[in-house]
Amino acid sequence: MRLRGAHAAVQAALAQLGGELIEPSFALPFWDGLRDQRDEFFVKAAAAVDGGASLWRMSVPQVAPPLALPGPTLIEWGGAQRWLCSALPAPAVREAAARAGGHATLYRSRDKSAGAFAPLKAPLDRIHRDLKQSFDPSGLFNPGRLYPGL
């Protein structure tokens, strides 16, 4: 019964928005490949990372325009999540994401010196360090995992 309702919803969306229905035998492997990062984009990105590029996961508003950054891009979540494989320096990628109203996370790279997350601004950095000191005074839990030196 639920499947029939889902089918009707898909048919209604197709009628209103356009597009074409993809057979489950093609659609399921595609979506599984994205979920498990076995899709062609991620396979090529892994090879590029081995060659010195970095894989970035960017979160931006769905309506953000293309970021016009060099390198292959995969867009998910209706435009809100974008994957970029590029040799650009971290500040350039993070600045482009910030200009679009979002942020960029270093997902995979041989060079992790830029840190996974964008550096915190001074007040937030102080608060973060104070919280870390309060909850983990000996610095035992995931040192350097979120930010270098923490």
N, C-alpha and C. Protein backbone atom coordinates (compact mmCIF):
# COMPACT_ATOMS: atom_id res chain seq x y z
N MET A 1 0.83 -1.19 0.00
CA MET A 1 0.00 0.00 0.00
C MET A 1 0.87 1.25 0.00
N ARG A 2 1.91 1.28 0.86
CA ARG A 2 2.79 2.45 0.90
C ARG A 2 3.52 2.63 -0.42
N LEU A 3 3.90 1.54 -1.05
CA LEU A 3 4.61 1.61 -2.31
C LEU A 3 3.74 2.25 -3.37
N ARG A 4 2.45 1.91 -3.38
CA ARG A 4 1.54 2.52 -4.33
C ARG A 4 1.46 4.03 -4.11
N GLY A 5 1.42 4.45 -2.85
CA GLY A 5 1.38 5.88 -2.53
C GLY A 5 2.65 6.59 -2.98
N ALA A 6 3.79 5.93 -2.78
CA ALA A 6 5.06 6.51 -3.22
C ALA A 6 5.09 6.62 -4.74
N HIS A 7 4.61 5.60 -5.43
CA HIS A 7 4.58 5.61 -6.89
C HIS A 7 3.71 6.76 -7.38
N ALA A 8 2.56 6.95 -6.73
CA ALA A 8 1.67 8.05 -7.11
C ALA A 8 2.34 9.40 -6.89
N ALA A 9 3.08 9.51 -5.79
CA ALA A 9 3.78 10.78 -5.51
C ALA A 9 4.85 11.05 -6.56
N VAL A 10 5.56 10.00 -6.95
CA VAL A 10 6.59 10.16 -7.99
C VAL A 10 5.94 10.56 -9.31
N GLN A 11 4.84 9.90 -9.66
CA GLN A 11 4.14 10.24 -10.91
C GLN A 11 3.64 11.68 -10.88
N ALA A 12 3.14 12.13 -9.73
CA ALA A 12 2.66 13.51 -9.60
C ALA A 12 3.82 14.50 -9.76
N ALA A 13 4.97 14.17 -9.16
CA ALA A 13 6.14 15.04 -9.29
C ALA A 13 6.62 15.09 -10.73
N LEU A 14 6.62 13.95 -11.41
CA LEU A 14 7.03 13.92 -12.82
C LEU A 14 6.10 14.79 -13.66
N ALA A 15 4.81 14.70 -13.39
CA ALA A 15 3.85 15.50 -14.15
C ALA A 15 4.05 16.99 -13.92
N GLN A 16 4.36 17.37 -12.69
CA GLN A 16 4.51 18.78 -12.36
C GLN A 16 5.88 19.32 -12.73
N LEU A 17 6.93 18.56 -12.46
CA LEU A 17 8.29 19.07 -12.63
C LEU A 17 8.96 18.62 -13.93
N GLY A 18 8.47 17.55 -14.49
CA GLY A 18 9.13 16.97 -15.66
C GLY A 18 10.18 15.97 -15.23
N GLY A 19 10.92 15.47 -16.18
CA GLY A 19 11.95 14.49 -15.90
C GLY A 19 11.53 13.13 -16.40
N GLU A 20 12.31 12.15 -16.06
CA GLU A 20 11.99 10.79 -16.50
C GLU A 20 12.22 9.82 -15.35
N LEU A 21 11.41 8.80 -15.34
CA LEU A 21 11.50 7.77 -14.32
C LEU A 21 12.63 6.82 -14.67
N ILE A 22 13.48 6.53 -13.70
CA ILE A 22 14.59 5.61 -13.90
C ILE A 22 14.20 4.27 -13.30
N GLU A 23 14.43 3.23 -14.05
CA GLU A 23 14.12 1.88 -13.57
C GLU A 23 14.92 1.58 -12.30
N PRO A 24 14.29 0.92 -11.34
CA PRO A 24 15.00 0.59 -10.09
C PRO A 24 16.30 -0.18 -10.30
N SER A 25 16.37 -1.00 -11.34
CA SER A 25 17.60 -1.77 -11.58
C SER A 25 18.78 -0.86 -11.90
N PHE A 26 18.52 0.35 -12.37
CA PHE A 26 19.58 1.33 -12.61
C PHE A 26 19.71 2.31 -11.44
N ALA A 27 18.56 2.69 -10.89
CA ALA A 27 18.55 3.72 -9.84
C ALA A 27 19.17 3.22 -8.54
N LEU A 28 18.84 2.01 -8.13
CA LEU A 28 19.34 1.52 -6.84
C LEU A 28 20.86 1.44 -6.79
N PRO A 29 21.53 0.87 -7.79
CA PRO A 29 23.00 0.87 -7.74
C PRO A 29 23.59 2.28 -7.74
N PHE A 30 22.95 3.20 -8.45
CA PHE A 30 23.42 4.58 -8.46
C PHE A 30 23.36 5.19 -7.07
N TRP A 31 22.20 5.09 -6.42
CA TRP A 31 22.05 5.69 -5.09
C TRP A 31 22.90 4.97 -4.06
N ASP A 32 23.01 3.66 -4.17
CA ASP A 32 23.90 2.92 -3.27
C ASP A 32 25.35 3.36 -3.46
N GLY A 33 25.74 3.57 -4.70
CA GLY A 33 27.10 4.03 -4.99
C GLY A 33 27.39 5.39 -4.40
N LEU A 34 26.42 6.29 -4.43
CA LEU A 34 26.61 7.60 -3.80
C LEU A 34 26.71 7.45 -2.29
N ARG A 35 25.79 6.69 -1.73
CA ARG A 35 25.78 6.51 -0.27
C ARG A 35 27.08 5.91 0.24
N ASP A 36 27.57 4.91 -0.46
CA ASP A 36 28.76 4.18 -0.02
C ASP A 36 30.05 4.76 -0.61
N GLN A 37 29.93 5.82 -1.35
CA GLN A 37 31.07 6.48 -2.01
C GLN A 37 31.85 5.50 -2.89
N ARG A 38 31.11 4.70 -3.64
CA ARG A 38 31.69 3.81 -4.64
C ARG A 38 31.35 4.30 -6.04
N ASP A 39 30.60 5.39 -6.13
CA ASP A 39 30.23 5.97 -7.41
C ASP A 39 31.48 6.36 -8.19
N GLU A 40 31.35 6.47 -9.49
CA GLU A 40 32.47 6.83 -10.36
C GLU A 40 33.18 8.10 -9.90
N PHE A 41 32.42 9.10 -9.44
CA PHE A 41 33.03 10.34 -8.97
C PHE A 41 34.02 10.07 -7.85
N PHE A 42 33.62 9.25 -6.88
CA PHE A 42 34.47 8.99 -5.72
C PHE A 42 35.65 8.10 -6.07
N VAL A 43 35.47 7.20 -7.01
CA VAL A 43 36.58 6.35 -7.46
C VAL A 43 37.65 7.23 -8.11
N LYS A 44 37.22 8.14 -8.98
CA LYS A 44 38.17 9.05 -9.63
C LYS A 44 38.78 10.02 -8.62
N ALA A 45 37.99 10.46 -7.65
CA ALA A 45 38.50 11.36 -6.62
C ALA A 45 39.58 10.68 -5.79
N ALA A 46 39.40 9.41 -5.47
CA ALA A 46 40.41 8.67 -4.69
C ALA A 46 41.73 8.63 -5.45
N ALA A 47 41.66 8.41 -6.76
CA ALA A 47 42.88 8.40 -7.57
C ALA A 47 43.51 9.79 -7.60
N ALA A 48 42.70 10.82 -7.69
CA ALA A 48 43.22 12.20 -7.70
C ALA A 48 43.85 12.56 -6.36
N VAL A 49 43.26 12.10 -5.27
CA VAL A 49 43.83 12.35 -3.94
C VAL A 49 45.19 11.67 -3.83
N ASP A 50 45.30 10.46 -4.37
CA ASP A 50 46.60 9.78 -4.38
C ASP A 50 47.64 10.58 -5.16
N GLY A 51 47.16 11.36 -6.14
CA GLY A 51 48.05 12.19 -6.94
C GLY A 51 48.29 13.58 -6.38
N GLY A 52 47.71 13.89 -5.21
CA GLY A 52 47.98 15.17 -4.58
C GLY A 52 46.80 16.12 -4.48
N ALA A 53 45.67 15.80 -5.07
CA ALA A 53 44.48 16.65 -4.95
C ALA A 53 43.83 16.42 -3.59
N SER A 54 42.81 17.18 -3.30
CA SER A 54 42.04 17.02 -2.06
C SER A 54 40.56 16.87 -2.41
N LEU A 55 39.85 16.09 -1.60
CA LEU A 55 38.41 15.95 -1.75
C LEU A 55 37.75 16.79 -0.67
N TRP A 56 36.90 17.70 -1.10
CA TRP A 56 36.20 18.62 -0.21
C TRP A 56 34.71 18.31 -0.20
N ARG A 57 34.09 18.42 0.98
CA ARG A 57 32.64 18.35 1.10
C ARG A 57 32.17 19.73 1.51
N MET A 58 31.35 20.33 0.67
CA MET A 58 30.89 21.69 0.94
C MET A 58 29.39 21.67 1.22
N SER A 59 29.00 22.44 2.19
CA SER A 59 27.61 22.62 2.51
C SER A 59 27.27 24.08 2.21
N VAL A 60 26.34 24.29 1.29
CA VAL A 60 25.94 25.63 0.88
C VAL A 60 24.42 25.67 0.76
N PRO A 61 23.83 26.86 0.69
CA PRO A 61 22.38 26.90 0.46
C PRO A 61 22.04 26.22 -0.87
N GLN A 62 20.88 25.57 -0.92
CA GLN A 62 20.48 24.87 -2.14
C GLN A 62 20.48 25.76 -3.37
N VAL A 63 20.18 27.02 -3.19
CA VAL A 63 20.07 27.94 -4.32
C VAL A 63 21.39 28.63 -4.66
N ALA A 64 22.47 28.24 -4.00
CA ALA A 64 23.77 28.86 -4.29
C ALA A 64 24.16 28.58 -5.74
N PRO A 65 24.69 29.58 -6.42
CA PRO A 65 25.09 29.37 -7.82
C PRO A 65 26.31 28.46 -7.88
N PRO A 66 26.66 27.99 -9.08
CA PRO A 66 27.89 27.21 -9.22
C PRO A 66 29.08 27.98 -8.65
N LEU A 67 29.99 27.29 -8.00
CA LEU A 67 31.12 27.95 -7.34
C LEU A 67 32.28 28.22 -8.29
N ALA A 68 32.24 27.69 -9.48
CA ALA A 68 33.26 27.94 -10.51
C ALA A 68 34.67 27.69 -9.99
N LEU A 69 34.86 26.55 -9.35
CA LEU A 69 36.18 26.15 -8.87
C LEU A 69 36.72 25.06 -9.79
N PRO A 70 38.02 25.04 -10.01
CA PRO A 70 38.57 24.01 -10.89
C PRO A 70 38.51 22.63 -10.23
N GLY A 71 38.15 21.64 -11.01
CA GLY A 71 38.09 20.28 -10.54
C GLY A 71 36.68 19.71 -10.67
N PRO A 72 36.57 18.40 -10.72
CA PRO A 72 35.26 17.76 -10.82
C PRO A 72 34.41 18.04 -9.59
N THR A 73 33.12 18.22 -9.82
CA THR A 73 32.17 18.52 -8.74
C THR A 73 30.99 17.56 -8.84
N LEU A 74 30.51 17.11 -7.70
CA LEU A 74 29.30 16.30 -7.61
C LEU A 74 28.34 17.07 -6.71
N ILE A 75 27.11 17.24 -7.18
CA ILE A 75 26.12 18.00 -6.43
C ILE A 75 25.04 17.05 -5.93
N GLU A 76 24.77 17.11 -4.63
CA GLU A 76 23.74 16.28 -3.99
C GLU A 76 22.81 17.17 -3.19
N TRP A 77 21.83 16.52 -2.58
CA TRP A 77 20.89 17.17 -1.65
C TRP A 77 20.25 18.41 -2.28
N GLY A 78 19.86 18.31 -3.53
CA GLY A 78 19.20 19.43 -4.19
C GLY A 78 20.09 20.65 -4.31
N GLY A 79 21.38 20.46 -4.33
CA GLY A 79 22.33 21.57 -4.47
C GLY A 79 22.99 21.98 -3.17
N ALA A 80 22.55 21.45 -2.04
CA ALA A 80 23.06 21.89 -0.75
C ALA A 80 24.38 21.23 -0.36
N GLN A 81 24.65 20.04 -0.88
CA GLN A 81 25.93 19.39 -0.61
C GLN A 81 26.68 19.25 -1.93
N ARG A 82 27.90 19.74 -1.93
CA ARG A 82 28.71 19.67 -3.13
C ARG A 82 30.07 19.08 -2.79
N TRP A 83 30.47 18.15 -3.61
CA TRP A 83 31.78 17.53 -3.46
C TRP A 83 32.68 18.13 -4.52
N LEU A 84 33.89 18.47 -4.15
CA LEU A 84 34.86 19.04 -5.07
C LEU A 84 36.18 18.30 -4.91
N CYS A 85 36.75 17.87 -6.02
CA CYS A 85 38.08 17.28 -6.00
C CYS A 85 38.99 18.26 -6.73
N SER A 86 39.93 18.85 -6.00
CA SER A 86 40.73 19.92 -6.57
C SER A 86 42.07 20.03 -5.87
N ALA A 87 43.02 20.60 -6.58
CA ALA A 87 44.34 20.87 -6.00
C ALA A 87 44.42 22.30 -5.47
N LEU A 88 43.31 23.02 -5.46
CA LEU A 88 43.30 24.38 -4.92
C LEU A 88 43.74 24.38 -3.46
N PRO A 89 44.39 25.46 -3.02
CA PRO A 89 44.73 25.55 -1.60
C PRO A 89 43.46 25.69 -0.74
N ALA A 90 43.56 25.20 0.48
CA ALA A 90 42.41 25.20 1.39
C ALA A 90 41.75 26.57 1.55
N PRO A 91 42.53 27.67 1.72
CA PRO A 91 41.85 28.96 1.89
C PRO A 91 40.97 29.35 0.70
N ALA A 92 41.37 28.99 -0.51
CA ALA A 92 40.58 29.34 -1.69
C ALA A 92 39.25 28.58 -1.71
N VAL A 93 39.29 27.30 -1.36
CA VAL A 93 38.06 26.50 -1.34
C VAL A 93 37.14 26.99 -0.23
N ARG A 94 37.70 27.22 0.94
CA ARG A 94 36.87 27.67 2.07
C ARG A 94 36.28 29.05 1.83
N GLU A 95 37.04 29.94 1.20
CA GLU A 95 36.54 31.28 0.90
C GLU A 95 35.39 31.22 -0.10
N ALA A 96 35.52 30.38 -1.13
CA ALA A 96 34.44 30.24 -2.11
C ALA A 96 33.17 29.71 -1.46
N ALA A 97 33.30 28.73 -0.59
CA ALA A 97 32.13 28.19 0.11
C ALA A 97 31.52 29.25 1.02
N ALA A 98 32.35 30.02 1.71
CA ALA A 98 31.85 31.07 2.60
C ALA A 98 31.12 32.16 1.81
N ARG A 99 31.66 32.54 0.65
CA ARG A 99 30.99 33.55 -0.19
C ARG A 99 29.62 33.07 -0.63
N ALA A 100 29.45 31.76 -0.78
CA ALA A 100 28.17 31.19 -1.18
C ALA A 100 27.23 30.99 0.01
N GLY A 101 27.71 31.32 1.22
CA GLY A 101 26.88 31.19 2.41
C GLY A 101 27.02 29.85 3.12
N GLY A 102 28.13 29.16 2.87
CA GLY A 102 28.31 27.85 3.48
C GLY A 102 29.70 27.64 4.04
N HIS A 103 30.13 26.40 4.06
CA HIS A 103 31.46 26.07 4.57
C HIS A 103 31.99 24.84 3.84
N ALA A 104 33.29 24.64 3.92
CA ALA A 104 33.93 23.50 3.26
C ALA A 104 34.71 22.70 4.30
N THR A 105 34.60 21.39 4.19
CA THR A 105 35.31 20.46 5.07
C THR A 105 36.27 19.63 4.24
N LEU A 106 37.51 19.57 4.67
CA LEU A 106 38.49 18.72 4.00
C LEU A 106 38.14 17.28 4.31
N TYR A 107 37.75 16.54 3.29
CA TYR A 107 37.24 15.18 3.51
C TYR A 107 38.34 14.14 3.34
N ARG A 108 39.13 14.27 2.29
CA ARG A 108 40.26 13.37 2.05
C ARG A 108 41.39 14.15 1.42
N SER A 109 42.60 13.88 1.90
CA SER A 109 43.78 14.53 1.35
C SER A 109 45.01 13.85 1.91
N ARG A 110 46.06 13.82 1.12
CA ARG A 110 47.33 13.32 1.65
C ARG A 110 47.91 14.36 2.60
N ASP A 111 47.69 15.64 2.29
CA ASP A 111 48.18 16.74 3.12
C ASP A 111 47.04 17.24 4.00
N LYS A 112 47.10 16.95 5.27
CA LYS A 112 46.04 17.34 6.19
C LYS A 112 46.41 18.57 7.02
N SER A 113 47.48 19.26 6.62
CA SER A 113 47.96 20.39 7.41
C SER A 113 46.96 21.54 7.47
N ALA A 114 46.04 21.63 6.53
CA ALA A 114 45.03 22.69 6.56
C ALA A 114 43.95 22.43 7.60
N GLY A 115 43.92 21.22 8.14
CA GLY A 115 42.87 20.87 9.09
C GLY A 115 41.59 20.51 8.37
N ALA A 116 40.80 19.66 8.99
CA ALA A 116 39.54 19.24 8.37
C ALA A 116 38.54 20.38 8.30
N PHE A 117 38.53 21.21 9.33
CA PHE A 117 37.54 22.27 9.42
C PHE A 117 38.20 23.63 9.29
N ALA A 118 37.43 24.60 8.85
CA ALA A 118 37.92 25.97 8.73
C ALA A 118 38.32 26.48 10.12
N PRO A 119 39.41 27.23 10.18
CA PRO A 119 39.81 27.78 11.48
C PRO A 119 38.68 28.63 12.09
N LEU A 120 38.55 28.52 13.39
CA LEU A 120 37.52 29.29 14.09
C LEU A 120 37.97 30.73 14.26
N LYS A 121 37.02 31.64 14.24
CA LYS A 121 37.32 33.04 14.52
C LYS A 121 37.68 33.17 16.01
N ALA A 122 38.40 34.21 16.35
CA ALA A 122 38.99 34.36 17.69
C ALA A 122 38.02 34.06 18.85
N PRO A 123 36.83 34.68 18.91
CA PRO A 123 35.97 34.39 20.07
C PRO A 123 35.55 32.92 20.14
N LEU A 124 35.20 32.32 19.00
CA LEU A 124 34.78 30.92 19.00
C LEU A 124 35.95 30.00 19.31
N ASP A 125 37.13 30.35 18.83
CA ASP A 125 38.31 29.55 19.12
C ASP A 125 38.58 29.52 20.63
N ARG A 126 38.48 30.66 21.28
CA ARG A 126 38.70 30.73 22.73
C ARG A 126 37.67 29.89 23.47
N ILE A 127 36.40 30.00 23.08
CA ILE A 127 35.33 29.22 23.72
C ILE A 127 35.59 27.72 23.52
N HIS A 128 35.94 27.36 22.31
CA HIS A 128 36.21 25.95 21.99
C HIS A 128 37.37 25.41 22.84
N ARG A 129 38.44 26.19 22.93
CA ARG A 129 39.59 25.77 23.73
C ARG A 129 39.24 25.66 25.21
N ASP A 130 38.46 26.62 25.71
CA ASP A 130 38.04 26.58 27.11
C ASP A 130 37.18 25.34 27.40
N LEU A 131 36.25 25.04 26.49
CA LEU A 131 35.41 23.85 26.67
C LEU A 131 36.26 22.57 26.64
N LYS A 132 37.17 22.51 25.69
CA LYS A 132 38.05 21.34 25.58
C LYS A 132 38.86 21.18 26.87
N GLN A 133 39.39 22.27 27.40
CA GLN A 133 40.17 22.25 28.64
C GLN A 133 39.30 21.79 29.81
N SER A 134 38.05 22.25 29.85
CA SER A 134 37.15 21.88 30.94
C SER A 134 36.78 20.40 30.92
N PHE A 135 36.47 19.89 29.74
CA PHE A 135 36.00 18.51 29.63
C PHE A 135 37.13 17.49 29.46
N ASP A 136 38.29 17.95 28.98
CA ASP A 136 39.40 17.03 28.72
C ASP A 136 40.72 17.71 29.12
N PRO A 137 40.91 17.98 30.42
CA PRO A 137 42.08 18.75 30.85
C PRO A 137 43.42 18.08 30.49
N SER A 138 43.44 16.77 30.35
CA SER A 138 44.70 16.08 30.01
C SER A 138 44.90 15.94 28.50
N GLY A 139 43.90 16.37 27.72
CA GLY A 139 44.02 16.31 26.26
C GLY A 139 44.10 14.89 25.72
N LEU A 140 43.36 13.98 26.33
CA LEU A 140 43.42 12.57 25.94
C LEU A 140 42.52 12.21 24.76
N PHE A 141 41.40 12.92 24.62
CA PHE A 141 40.40 12.51 23.65
C PHE A 141 40.61 13.19 22.30
N ASN A 142 40.92 12.39 21.29
CA ASN A 142 41.08 12.86 19.92
C ASN A 142 41.93 14.12 19.78
N PRO A 143 43.15 14.11 20.28
CA PRO A 143 43.97 15.31 20.15
C PRO A 143 44.22 15.64 18.68
N GLY A 144 43.96 16.89 18.32
CA GLY A 144 44.18 17.36 16.96
C GLY A 144 43.15 16.91 15.96
N ARG A 145 42.13 16.20 16.39
CA ARG A 145 41.12 15.65 15.45
C ARG A 145 40.31 16.75 14.79
N LEU A 146 39.80 17.69 15.56
CA LEU A 146 38.98 18.75 14.99
C LEU A 146 39.83 19.93 14.54
N TYR A 147 40.75 20.31 15.38
CA TYR A 147 41.61 21.47 15.08
C TYR A 147 43.03 21.18 15.54
N PRO A 148 44.02 21.59 14.77
CA PRO A 148 45.41 21.38 15.19
C PRO A 148 45.66 22.05 16.55
N GLY A 149 46.38 21.36 17.39
CA GLY A 149 46.72 21.92 18.70
C GLY A 149 45.66 21.70 19.76
N LEU A 150 44.57 21.08 19.44
CA LEU A 150 43.53 20.82 20.45
C LEU A 150 43.35 19.33 20.65
